[in-house]
Protein backbone atom coordinates (compact mmCIF):
# COMPACT_ATOMS: atom_id res chain seq x y z
CA UNK A 1 -25.51 5.91 71.04
CA UNK A 2 -27.44 4.31 68.20
CA UNK A 3 -28.64 7.72 67.03
CA UNK A 4 -25.07 9.08 66.99
CA UNK A 5 -23.90 6.11 64.89
CA UNK A 6 -26.85 6.68 62.54
CA UNK A 7 -26.00 10.39 62.21
CA UNK A 8 -22.34 9.54 61.59
CA UNK A 9 -23.38 7.06 58.91
CA UNK A 10 -25.56 9.73 57.23
CA UNK A 11 -22.68 12.20 57.35
CA UNK A 12 -20.37 9.66 55.70
CA UNK A 13 -22.93 9.00 52.99
CA UNK A 14 -23.35 12.75 52.45
CA UNK A 15 -19.58 13.24 52.13
CA UNK A 16 -19.30 10.30 49.73
CA UNK A 17 -22.12 11.61 47.55
CA UNK A 18 -20.64 15.12 47.64
CA UNK A 19 -17.22 13.80 46.67
CA UNK A 20 -18.65 11.71 43.83
CA UNK A 21 -20.69 14.67 42.61
CA UNK A 22 -17.61 16.87 42.63
CA UNK A 23 -15.58 14.25 40.76
CA UNK A 24 -18.37 13.82 38.23
CA UNK A 25 -18.61 17.58 37.83
CA UNK A 26 -14.86 17.76 37.09
CA UNK A 27 -15.13 14.94 34.53
CA UNK A 28 -18.12 16.61 32.86
CA UNK A 29 -16.25 19.90 32.72
CA UNK A 30 -13.23 18.23 31.09
CA UNK A 31 -15.44 16.45 28.57
CA UNK A 32 -17.21 19.70 27.69
CA UNK A 33 -13.82 21.36 27.25
CA UNK A 34 -12.76 18.63 24.82
CA UNK A 35 -16.02 19.05 22.91
CA UNK A 36 -15.58 22.81 22.70
CA UNK A 37 -11.97 22.51 21.55
CA UNK A 38 -12.78 19.95 18.83
CA UNK A 39 -15.87 21.79 17.57
CA UNK A 40 -13.91 25.06 17.37
CA UNK A 41 -11.07 23.48 15.39
CA UNK A 42 -13.50 21.69 13.07
CA UNK A 43 -15.21 24.97 12.34
CA UNK A 44 -11.97 26.92 11.82
CA UNK A 45 -10.40 24.26 9.61
CA UNK A 46 -13.57 23.06 7.88
CA UNK A 47 -12.91 19.46 8.97
CA UNK A 48 -15.70 16.98 8.04
CA UNK A 49 -15.09 14.51 10.87
CA UNK A 50 -12.93 13.86 13.93
CA UNK A 51 -12.56 10.90 16.28
CA UNK A 52 -10.96 11.21 19.73
CA UNK A 53 -10.01 8.74 22.43
CA UNK A 54 -8.29 9.42 25.75
CA UNK A 55 -6.76 6.41 27.48
CA UNK A 56 -5.50 6.39 31.06
CA UNK A 57 -3.70 3.38 32.54
CA UNK A 58 -5.01 1.17 29.74
CA UNK A 59 -8.66 2.18 30.15
CA UNK A 60 -10.75 4.56 28.07
CA UNK A 61 -11.41 7.84 29.88
CA UNK A 62 -13.21 9.47 26.98
CA UNK A 63 -14.14 8.52 23.43
CA UNK A 64 -16.28 10.36 20.92
CA UNK A 65 -16.88 10.95 17.22
CA UNK A 66 -17.66 14.37 15.77
CA UNK A 67 -19.06 15.43 12.42
CA UNK A 68 -19.28 13.18 9.37
CA UNK A 69 -17.22 10.24 8.17
CA UNK A 70 -18.87 10.52 4.76
CA UNK A 71 -20.22 13.84 3.50
CA UNK A 72 -22.05 12.40 0.49
CA UNK A 73 -24.17 10.11 2.65
CA UNK A 74 -24.09 12.20 5.83
CA UNK A 75 -22.73 9.32 7.92
CA UNK A 76 -21.77 10.48 11.44
CA UNK A 77 -18.38 9.69 12.94
CA UNK A 78 -18.63 7.27 15.86
CA UNK A 79 -15.98 5.52 17.97
CA UNK A 80 -16.11 2.53 15.59
CA UNK A 81 -15.38 4.65 12.50
CA UNK A 82 -12.36 3.40 10.54
CA UNK A 83 -9.69 5.95 9.56
CA UNK A 84 -6.38 5.66 7.74
CA UNK A 85 -3.49 5.98 10.20
CA UNK A 86 -0.93 7.18 7.64
CA UNK A 87 2.51 7.40 9.29
CA UNK A 88 1.19 6.59 12.76
CA UNK A 89 1.40 3.09 11.26
CA UNK A 90 5.21 3.28 11.38
CA UNK A 91 5.16 2.41 15.07
CA UNK A 92 3.41 -0.86 14.20
CA UNK A 93 6.01 -1.65 11.55
CA UNK A 94 8.78 -0.90 14.04
CA UNK A 95 7.08 -3.08 16.66
CA UNK A 96 6.84 -5.98 14.19
CA UNK A 97 10.53 -5.60 13.33
CA UNK A 98 11.40 -5.70 17.04
CA UNK A 99 9.41 -8.92 17.39
CA UNK A 100 11.63 -10.45 14.70
CA UNK A 101 14.70 -9.15 16.56
CA UNK A 102 13.36 -10.70 19.77
CA UNK A 103 12.73 -13.96 17.89
CA UNK A 104 16.35 -13.96 16.69
CA UNK A 105 15.24 -13.84 13.05
CA UNK A 106 17.05 -10.57 12.33
CA UNK A 107 19.48 -8.25 14.11
CA UNK A 108 19.42 -4.47 14.38
CA UNK A 109 22.98 -4.56 13.02
CA UNK A 110 22.10 -6.60 9.92
CA UNK A 111 23.15 -4.81 6.73
CA UNK A 112 20.68 -4.34 3.87
CA UNK A 113 22.89 -6.42 1.56
CA UNK A 114 21.99 -9.45 3.67
CA UNK A 115 18.47 -9.19 2.28
CA UNK A 116 19.27 -7.55 -1.08
CA UNK A 117 22.48 -9.10 -2.52
CA UNK A 118 22.22 -6.92 -5.64
CA UNK A 119 21.71 -3.71 -3.65
CA UNK A 120 23.23 -0.47 -4.94
CA UNK A 121 26.57 0.84 -3.72
CA UNK A 122 26.26 2.27 -0.23
CA UNK A 123 23.50 -0.03 0.95
CA UNK A 124 26.17 -2.33 2.45
CA UNK A 125 26.76 0.17 5.25
CA UNK A 126 23.07 0.64 6.13
CA UNK A 127 21.64 -1.41 9.03
CA UNK A 128 18.12 -2.29 10.12
CA UNK A 129 18.62 0.15 12.98
CA UNK A 130 19.42 2.95 10.52
CA UNK A 131 16.16 2.21 8.70
CA UNK A 132 14.11 2.30 11.90
CA UNK A 133 15.46 5.64 13.14
CA UNK A 134 15.66 7.40 9.75
CA UNK A 135 19.46 7.62 9.63
CA UNK A 136 19.87 5.35 6.59
CA UNK A 137 20.57 8.10 4.08
CA UNK A 138 17.48 7.10 2.14
CA UNK A 139 15.49 9.89 0.58
CA UNK A 140 11.82 9.48 -0.15
CA UNK A 141 9.94 7.71 -2.89
CA UNK A 142 6.92 9.99 -2.54
CA UNK A 143 8.56 12.53 -4.88
CA UNK A 144 8.36 11.73 -8.59
CA UNK A 145 6.43 8.52 -7.95
CA UNK A 146 3.54 7.04 -9.91
CA UNK A 147 0.87 6.57 -7.25
CA UNK A 148 -1.55 5.08 -9.77
CA UNK A 149 0.71 2.17 -10.75
CA UNK A 150 0.34 -1.25 -9.14
CA UNK A 151 3.60 -2.45 -7.62
CA UNK A 152 4.77 -5.79 -6.37
CA UNK A 153 7.32 -5.77 -3.56
CA UNK A 154 9.97 -6.71 -6.13
CA UNK A 155 9.08 -3.89 -8.53
CA UNK A 156 8.90 -1.47 -5.61
CA UNK A 157 12.41 -2.50 -4.56
CA UNK A 158 13.68 -1.88 -8.09
CA UNK A 159 12.04 1.55 -7.99
CA UNK A 160 13.82 2.31 -4.70
CA UNK A 161 17.19 1.17 -6.08
CA UNK A 162 17.14 4.03 -8.57
CA UNK A 163 17.11 6.68 -5.88
CA UNK A 164 20.47 7.98 -4.65
CA UNK A 165 21.50 8.03 -1.02
CA UNK A 166 21.53 11.52 0.49
CA UNK A 167 24.25 10.92 3.11
CA UNK A 168 26.25 8.17 4.78
CA UNK A 169 24.40 5.97 7.25
CA UNK A 170 24.26 7.49 10.72
CA UNK A 171 25.65 10.82 9.58
CA UNK A 172 22.30 12.66 9.70
CA UNK A 173 18.64 11.96 10.21
CA UNK A 174 16.06 12.46 7.48
CA UNK A 175 12.52 11.15 7.75
CA UNK A 176 12.07 8.50 5.06
CA UNK A 177 8.90 6.70 4.03
CA UNK A 178 11.05 4.70 1.64
CA UNK A 179 13.06 3.25 4.54
CA UNK A 180 9.90 1.95 6.24
CA UNK A 181 8.44 0.61 3.00
CA UNK A 182 11.73 -1.27 2.53
CA UNK A 183 11.44 -2.69 6.06
CA UNK A 184 8.11 -4.21 4.99
CA UNK A 185 9.83 -5.92 2.07
CA UNK A 186 12.53 -7.23 4.40
CA UNK A 187 9.91 -8.64 6.80
CA UNK A 188 8.30 -10.50 3.91
CA UNK A 189 11.66 -12.01 2.95
CA UNK A 190 12.38 -13.08 6.53
CA UNK A 191 8.94 -14.51 7.37
CA UNK A 192 8.01 -15.88 3.95
CA UNK A 193 4.65 -14.10 4.08
CA UNK A 194 3.28 -10.66 3.26
CA UNK A 195 4.42 -8.43 6.09
CA UNK A 196 0.81 -7.29 6.64
CA UNK A 197 -0.20 -10.88 7.42
CA UNK A 198 2.69 -11.13 9.88
CA UNK A 199 1.60 -7.85 11.46
CA UNK A 200 -1.97 -9.08 11.85
CA UNK A 201 -0.92 -12.44 13.26
CA UNK A 202 1.76 -11.24 15.70
CA UNK A 203 0.63 -7.73 16.65
CA UNK A 204 -2.93 -6.71 15.81
CA UNK A 205 -4.76 -9.87 16.96
CA UNK A 206 -2.68 -10.37 20.15
CA UNK A 207 -3.29 -6.71 21.06
CA UNK A 208 -7.05 -7.21 20.64
CA UNK A 209 -7.34 -4.75 17.75
CA UNK A 210 -10.30 -6.48 16.18
CA UNK A 211 -11.09 -4.02 13.38
CA UNK A 212 -7.51 -2.97 12.55
CA UNK A 213 -6.16 -4.18 9.22
CA UNK A 214 -3.96 -3.40 6.24
CA UNK A 215 -5.72 -1.00 3.90
CA UNK A 216 -7.66 -2.46 0.98
CA UNK A 217 -9.47 -0.43 -1.64
CA UNK A 218 -11.47 -3.40 -2.93
CA UNK A 219 -12.66 -5.00 0.33
CA UNK A 220 -15.90 -3.98 2.02
CA UNK A 221 -14.84 -2.40 5.32
CA UNK A 222 -17.71 -1.56 7.70
CA UNK A 223 -17.63 1.97 9.13
CA UNK A 224 -14.87 3.13 6.77
CA UNK A 225 -14.50 6.94 6.62
CA UNK A 226 -13.91 8.85 3.41
CA UNK A 227 -10.87 11.12 3.16
CA UNK A 228 -11.08 14.71 1.94
CA UNK A 229 -8.93 17.66 0.87
CA UNK A 230 -9.57 21.34 0.29
CA UNK A 231 -9.05 22.60 -3.24
CA UNK A 232 -9.81 26.23 -4.13
CA UNK A 233 -11.70 26.61 -0.85
CA UNK A 234 -13.94 23.61 -1.62
CA UNK A 235 -13.92 20.18 0.01
CA UNK A 236 -13.05 17.46 -2.51
CA UNK A 237 -12.65 13.71 -2.26
CA UNK A 238 -9.15 12.38 -1.67
CA UNK A 239 -6.97 11.69 -4.68
CA UNK A 240 -7.01 8.09 -5.88
CA UNK A 241 -3.94 5.91 -5.55
CA UNK A 242 -3.44 2.29 -6.56
CA UNK A 243 -4.41 -0.40 -4.03
CA UNK A 244 -0.81 -1.63 -3.68
CA UNK A 245 0.43 1.89 -2.92
CA UNK A 246 -1.76 1.76 0.18
CA UNK A 247 -0.22 -1.45 1.52
CA UNK A 248 3.41 -0.42 1.97
CA UNK A 249 4.85 -0.56 5.50
CA UNK A 250 5.32 3.20 5.90
CA UNK A 251 1.69 3.68 6.98
CA UNK A 252 -0.83 1.19 5.62
CA UNK A 253 -3.23 0.57 8.49
CA UNK A 254 -6.90 1.41 8.73
CA UNK A 255 -8.45 1.24 12.18
CA UNK A 256 -10.62 2.99 14.75
CA UNK A 257 -9.75 4.94 17.89
CA UNK A 258 -11.10 1.93 19.80
CA UNK A 259 -8.36 -0.16 18.16
CA UNK A 260 -5.84 2.51 19.15
CA UNK A 261 -7.11 2.33 22.74
CA UNK A 262 -6.26 -1.40 22.70
CA UNK A 263 -2.85 -0.58 21.25
CA UNK A 264 -2.18 1.96 24.00
CA UNK A 265 -3.32 -0.53 26.65
CA UNK A 266 -0.89 -3.10 25.26
CA UNK A 267 2.00 -0.63 25.19
CA UNK A 268 1.18 0.51 28.71
CA UNK A 269 1.23 -3.10 29.92
CA UNK A 270 4.43 -3.95 28.05
CA UNK A 271 2.78 -6.73 26.05
CA UNK A 272 4.53 -8.99 23.50
CA UNK A 273 8.00 -7.39 23.70
CA UNK A 274 10.58 -7.50 26.47
CA UNK A 275 11.24 -4.23 28.26
CA UNK A 276 14.67 -3.85 26.64
CA UNK A 277 13.05 -3.68 23.20
CA UNK A 278 10.48 -1.13 24.32
CA UNK A 279 13.34 0.95 25.72
CA UNK A 280 15.16 0.78 22.38
CA UNK A 281 12.08 2.01 20.49
CA UNK A 282 11.75 4.99 22.82
CA UNK A 283 15.43 6.02 23.00
CA UNK A 284 16.61 9.10 21.06
CA UNK A 285 18.83 8.39 18.06
CA UNK A 286 22.58 8.89 18.45
CA UNK A 287 24.33 10.07 15.28
CA UNK A 288 27.90 9.25 14.27
CA UNK A 289 29.16 12.55 15.70
CA UNK A 290 27.65 11.81 19.12
CA UNK A 291 24.73 14.22 18.86
CA UNK A 292 21.15 13.08 19.38
CA UNK A 293 17.93 13.34 17.38
CA UNK A 294 14.48 13.18 18.97
CA UNK A 295 13.32 10.01 17.25
CA UNK A 296 13.48 6.35 18.23
CA UNK A 297 12.01 3.47 16.23
CA UNK A 298 8.69 4.62 14.76
CA UNK A 299 8.24 7.16 17.56
CA UNK A 300 9.13 10.83 17.90
CA UNK A 301 10.42 11.68 21.38
CA UNK A 302 9.49 15.14 22.57
CA UNK A 303 8.74 16.95 25.81
CA UNK A 304 6.20 19.36 27.26
CA UNK A 305 7.41 21.43 30.23
CA UNK A 306 10.25 18.97 30.70
CA UNK A 307 7.99 15.88 30.71
CA UNK A 308 8.73 13.14 28.17
CA UNK A 309 6.14 12.73 25.43
CA UNK A 310 6.11 9.87 22.89
CA UNK A 311 4.23 10.76 19.74
CA UNK A 312 3.76 10.43 16.01
CA UNK A 313 1.77 12.12 13.27
CA UNK A 314 0.36 10.76 10.04
CA UNK A 315 -0.83 12.44 6.85
CA UNK A 316 -2.04 10.60 3.77
CA UNK A 317 -4.83 10.55 1.21
CA UNK A 318 -7.22 12.91 2.97
CA UNK A 319 -6.50 11.72 6.54
CA UNK A 320 -4.52 13.13 9.45
CA UNK A 321 -3.71 11.29 12.67
CA UNK A 322 -1.80 11.89 15.90
CA UNK A 323 -0.99 9.82 18.96
CA UNK A 324 0.56 11.50 22.00
CA UNK A 325 1.60 9.45 25.04
CA UNK A 326 2.54 10.84 28.46
CA UNK A 327 4.19 7.75 29.98
CA UNK A 328 4.74 9.28 33.43
CA UNK A 329 0.97 9.47 33.97
CA UNK A 330 0.10 6.50 31.73
CA UNK A 331 -2.04 8.83 29.62
CA UNK A 332 -2.51 8.88 25.86
CA UNK A 333 -4.56 10.97 23.43
CA UNK A 334 -5.35 9.83 19.90
CA UNK A 335 -7.01 12.12 17.35
CA UNK A 336 -8.07 11.16 13.82
CA UNK A 337 -9.49 13.50 11.17
CA UNK A 338 -10.62 12.94 7.58
CA UNK A 339 -9.20 16.09 6.02
CA UNK A 340 -5.76 16.63 4.56
CA UNK A 341 -3.72 19.00 6.76
CA UNK A 342 -6.21 18.99 9.62
CA UNK A 343 -4.24 19.95 12.73
CA UNK A 344 -4.65 16.78 14.76
CA UNK A 345 -1.29 17.43 16.42
CA UNK A 346 -2.57 20.71 17.82
CA UNK A 347 -5.85 19.16 19.00
CA UNK A 348 -4.14 16.20 20.67
CA UNK A 349 -1.66 18.49 22.43
CA UNK A 350 -4.37 20.79 23.76
CA UNK A 351 -6.48 17.83 24.93
CA UNK A 352 -3.47 16.31 26.71
CA UNK A 353 -2.90 19.64 28.43
CA UNK A 354 -6.55 19.81 29.51
CA UNK A 355 -6.21 16.46 31.26
CA UNK A 356 -2.71 17.18 32.61
CA UNK A 357 -2.45 20.94 33.25
CA UNK A 358 1.22 20.64 34.27
CA UNK A 359 1.96 20.13 30.56
CA UNK A 360 0.45 23.48 29.62
CA UNK A 361 2.98 26.02 28.34
CA UNK A 362 3.90 28.97 30.50
CA UNK A 363 3.14 32.04 28.43
CA UNK A 364 6.22 34.22 28.29
CA UNK A 365 5.87 37.97 28.57
CA UNK A 366 7.40 40.15 25.85
CA UNK A 367 10.71 41.82 26.73
CA UNK A 368 12.12 45.18 25.70
CA UNK A 369 13.52 45.13 22.18
CA UNK A 370 17.00 46.68 22.22
CA UNK A 371 17.73 45.58 18.66
CA UNK A 372 14.78 46.71 16.51
CA UNK A 373 16.92 46.38 13.38
CA UNK A 374 17.06 42.59 13.78
CA UNK A 375 13.35 42.44 14.56
CA UNK A 376 12.65 44.40 11.38
CA UNK A 377 14.84 41.99 9.38
CA UNK A 378 13.08 38.92 10.78
CA UNK A 379 9.67 40.56 10.45
CA UNK A 380 10.44 41.13 6.78
CA UNK A 381 11.33 37.45 6.47
CA UNK A 382 8.04 36.42 8.10
CA UNK A 383 6.05 38.64 5.75
CA UNK A 384 7.87 37.17 2.74
CA UNK A 385 7.25 33.67 4.09
CA UNK A 386 3.53 34.41 4.38
CA UNK A 387 3.54 35.65 0.78
CA UNK A 388 5.68 32.70 -0.39
CA UNK A 389 8.38 35.07 -1.66
CA UNK A 390 11.36 34.04 0.48
CA UNK A 391 14.67 34.42 -1.38
CA UNK A 392 17.81 32.40 -0.88
CA UNK A 393 19.91 35.46 0.07
CA UNK A 394 18.04 35.60 3.42
CA UNK A 395 19.32 32.15 4.44
CA UNK A 396 22.64 30.41 4.83
CA UNK A 397 23.48 28.17 1.89
CA UNK A 398 23.04 24.98 3.89
CA UNK A 399 19.75 26.02 5.51
CA UNK A 400 18.49 27.29 2.17
CA UNK A 401 18.79 23.82 0.66
CA UNK A 402 16.62 22.45 3.48
CA UNK A 403 14.11 25.28 3.84
CA UNK A 404 13.44 26.65 0.34
CA UNK A 405 11.72 23.45 -0.90
CA UNK A 406 9.16 23.72 1.95
CA UNK A 407 8.52 27.46 1.81
CA UNK A 408 5.18 27.03 0.04
CA UNK A 409 4.00 24.49 2.61
CA UNK A 410 4.97 26.80 5.50
CA UNK A 411 3.37 29.76 3.74
CA UNK A 412 0.06 27.93 3.54
CA UNK A 413 0.29 27.00 7.20
CA UNK A 414 0.87 30.60 8.30
CA UNK A 415 -1.95 31.88 6.11
CA UNK A 416 -4.32 29.53 7.91
CA UNK A 417 -3.57 31.36 11.17
CA UNK A 418 -5.38 34.49 10.02
CA UNK A 419 -4.03 38.02 9.52
CA UNK A 420 -0.46 38.61 10.69
CA UNK A 421 -0.58 41.37 13.32
CA UNK A 422 2.77 41.71 15.09
CA UNK A 423 5.92 40.09 16.48
CA UNK A 424 6.69 40.04 20.20
CA UNK A 425 10.28 39.51 21.35
CA UNK A 426 10.43 36.85 24.10
CA UNK A 427 14.16 36.15 24.36
CA UNK A 428 17.42 37.06 22.66
CA UNK A 429 21.02 36.09 23.31
CA UNK A 430 24.38 35.64 21.64
CA UNK A 431 25.20 31.96 21.40
CA UNK A 432 28.84 32.72 20.59
CA UNK A 433 30.80 35.26 18.55
CA UNK A 434 29.34 33.87 15.33
CA UNK A 435 25.68 33.15 16.17
CA UNK A 436 22.70 34.65 17.96
CA UNK A 437 19.29 33.31 19.00
CA UNK A 438 16.02 35.27 18.71
CA UNK A 439 12.74 34.00 20.15
CA UNK A 440 9.52 35.67 18.99
CA UNK A 441 5.80 35.23 19.33
CA UNK A 442 4.07 35.74 15.98
CA UNK A 443 0.59 37.07 16.69
CA UNK A 444 -2.09 36.32 14.08
CA UNK A 445 -5.80 37.09 14.23
CA UNK A 446 -6.59 33.40 14.83
CA UNK A 447 -3.52 31.98 16.56
CA UNK A 448 -0.16 32.84 18.06
CA UNK A 449 2.96 30.91 17.09
CA UNK A 450 6.38 30.97 18.74
CA UNK A 451 9.42 30.76 16.47
CA UNK A 452 13.09 30.65 17.39
CA UNK A 453 15.55 32.01 14.81
CA UNK A 454 19.29 31.47 14.77
CA UNK A 455 21.27 34.12 12.90
CA UNK A 456 24.88 34.25 11.75
CA UNK A 457 26.89 37.39 12.44
CA UNK A 458 26.17 38.58 8.88
CA UNK A 459 22.40 38.26 9.56
CA UNK A 460 21.73 35.12 7.56
CA UNK A 461 19.08 32.79 8.99
CA UNK A 462 20.82 29.57 9.90
CA UNK A 463 17.92 27.69 11.47
CA UNK A 464 14.29 28.08 12.53
CA UNK A 465 12.40 26.09 15.14
CA UNK A 466 8.75 26.25 16.12
CA UNK A 467 7.94 26.16 19.83
CA UNK A 468 4.49 24.81 20.72
């Protein structure tokens, strides 16, 4: 009897060890897959350095630095390396605003004229909520703006006053850095202190983000990464901007992925804010006409295979950043890179899919093309887009106003995918008597991209959407 119990005990130990070995093997395989993915993208995009953290249920599953944070001194990236967040910082600004709402200091329905009595015409219909979800009608100050000038909050406000509203509040949604920079000025007025100090006191310190801070060009910041850009196929240092330009509330933070892991843990636990305010931040925006936009307060709201994903990107001064959260599994991926236009969004998406395969896209098979004339028309458009020679006669008047200013940017993106090889038709249907939808896979030598085109009955492109 004793021998049988002993043998049973040994068998249990063997099974436990085998199970642990299998689990460890799976973890090692995942980690190697992340390494391979990051190294490949760094090589393809010529990225100096990348930092990655994967957080599950508030705990770090994986964290690693790759490459160099400073090319001149050959300083390796490590988990403690400090990057600029760029617009990922908007979620912190939104969180701080919601704290003031929770405190009863401001209301989401407060009009801008409450804080700016001399505001321009039209600002009296814009609310705090409109500013948070980008439906204010504000344009952007980043165009025709002197980045080298030092601004006070007052002089920045006077600069913003000069810029016309693009539409009535709530009528449309247009991403606006100016709206978030203005929210920072409002927070200063309400709290009587620089909004960055309020952010540190009420958000960063309580969340345990010990090395997160408002950007400062003059302070000594241990482990700070340098930002880079590619100019004429050579890596150059980031362009210089004034110190005050880097402290506005549209994306001023510098921090590490370890700080972001603390942030994710706090969000996952529902710290500091009541649930109703979290829900508001992560609810799609309803426009005046009853339609919805996939943005809340400082967060984009997307989906992968029908699963809700909360995310945001940032791009500024030689840095790119992405956070992607999969709330259903309490999983988050954060990727930082120190190169302008590095595809951190792509890396974070692929990493998330590695850890949660159910989020991986189902690759559609090409279908028979019974309308080659339309395919030829759209193929011609793609080729012109690649060459940056798109003409307005190919687009509807309304879409042309939106798309033509970003043709060069999209052209550069497509050229980074390698040589354009072919288009594969994935789906096609008539939406109504006036419109049709055409879904293609664009096959390049390096990547494949899915685009959905909407055409009018006279073959004008009315809209284009990318499908990850």
